[in-house]
């Protein structure tokens, strides 16, 4: 099981649900119901996300959703290289 820094986790959230990305996967399923042609991915880390996005070929649109901390972290990682 992945251990997360305490300051990044809501104390009202089940640790297993967090490590299994339960909410994120439920939202991914809901998004697919809107348009099943869209490719969706759920990643545990920002770094893994950026690595995968950089490997995609052709025109790509990326939608990152979440807190300001997540979006800020994503921008920091993607602009680092």
Protein backbone atom coordinates (compact mmCIF):
# COMPACT_ATOMS: atom_id res chain seq x y z
CA UNK A 1 0.00 0.00 0.00
CA UNK A 2 1.27 3.46 -0.93
CA UNK A 3 1.81 5.84 1.98
CA UNK A 4 0.83 9.47 1.43
CA UNK A 5 2.01 12.53 3.38
CA UNK A 6 -0.59 13.37 6.01
CA UNK A 7 -0.97 16.97 4.83
CA UNK A 8 -2.16 15.78 1.40
CA UNK A 9 -4.95 13.52 2.63
CA UNK A 10 -8.36 14.41 3.96
CA UNK A 11 -8.77 12.83 7.39
CA UNK A 12 -12.35 12.02 6.35
CA UNK A 13 -11.17 9.76 3.52
CA UNK A 14 -10.54 6.04 3.75
CA UNK A 15 -6.83 5.34 3.13
CA UNK A 16 -7.64 2.25 1.05
CA UNK A 17 -9.95 4.27 -1.19
CA UNK A 18 -7.15 6.78 -1.70
CA UNK A 19 -4.48 4.20 -2.52
CA UNK A 20 -6.85 2.38 -4.89
CA UNK A 21 -7.85 5.67 -6.58
CA UNK A 22 -11.48 4.73 -6.01
CA UNK A 23 -12.99 8.18 -6.54
CA UNK A 24 -10.80 8.87 -9.56
CA UNK A 25 -11.82 5.59 -11.20
CA UNK A 26 -15.50 6.26 -10.52
CA UNK A 27 -15.16 9.67 -12.18
CA UNK A 28 -13.33 8.07 -15.11
CA UNK A 29 -16.25 5.63 -15.56
CA UNK A 30 -18.74 8.51 -15.45
CA UNK A 31 -16.75 10.44 -18.06
CA UNK A 32 -16.66 7.41 -20.37
CA UNK A 33 -20.45 7.20 -20.18
CA UNK A 34 -20.58 10.71 -21.64
CA UNK A 35 -18.31 9.81 -24.58
CA UNK A 36 -16.97 6.27 -24.91
CA UNK A 37 -14.59 7.32 -27.72
CA UNK A 38 -12.40 9.31 -25.36
CA UNK A 39 -9.29 7.65 -23.97
CA UNK A 40 -9.04 8.16 -20.24
CA UNK A 41 -6.22 7.44 -17.80
CA UNK A 42 -5.92 7.56 -14.04
CA UNK A 43 -2.47 7.79 -12.47
CA UNK A 44 -1.18 7.71 -8.92
CA UNK A 45 1.43 10.45 -9.40
CA UNK A 46 1.84 13.65 -11.38
CA UNK A 47 5.21 12.46 -12.65
CA UNK A 48 3.70 9.26 -14.08
CA UNK A 49 0.99 11.32 -15.75
CA UNK A 50 3.45 13.70 -17.41
CA UNK A 51 5.65 10.83 -18.60
CA UNK A 52 2.66 9.15 -20.24
CA UNK A 53 1.38 12.36 -21.84
CA UNK A 54 4.78 13.03 -23.36
CA UNK A 55 4.78 9.55 -24.96
CA UNK A 56 1.41 10.05 -26.70
CA UNK A 57 1.62 10.56 -30.44
CA UNK A 58 -0.27 13.05 -32.52
CA UNK A 59 -2.40 15.98 -31.42
CA UNK A 60 -3.37 15.52 -27.79
CA UNK A 61 -5.63 17.41 -25.44
CA UNK A 62 -5.16 16.83 -21.74
CA UNK A 63 -7.71 17.66 -19.07
CA UNK A 64 -6.34 17.76 -15.54
CA UNK A 65 -8.92 18.19 -12.81
CA UNK A 66 -8.54 18.57 -9.10
CA UNK A 67 -7.35 20.97 -6.46
CA UNK A 68 -5.14 23.98 -6.99
CA UNK A 69 -2.34 21.95 -5.40
CA UNK A 70 -2.73 19.23 -8.03
CA UNK A 71 -2.92 21.64 -10.95
CA UNK A 72 0.03 23.65 -9.62
CA UNK A 73 2.04 20.46 -9.19
CA UNK A 74 1.17 19.33 -12.69
CA UNK A 75 2.25 22.66 -14.18
CA UNK A 76 5.49 22.58 -12.20
CA UNK A 77 6.35 19.07 -13.40
CA UNK A 78 5.35 19.63 -17.03
CA UNK A 79 7.32 22.90 -17.23
CA UNK A 80 10.42 21.39 -15.58
CA UNK A 81 11.73 19.86 -18.84
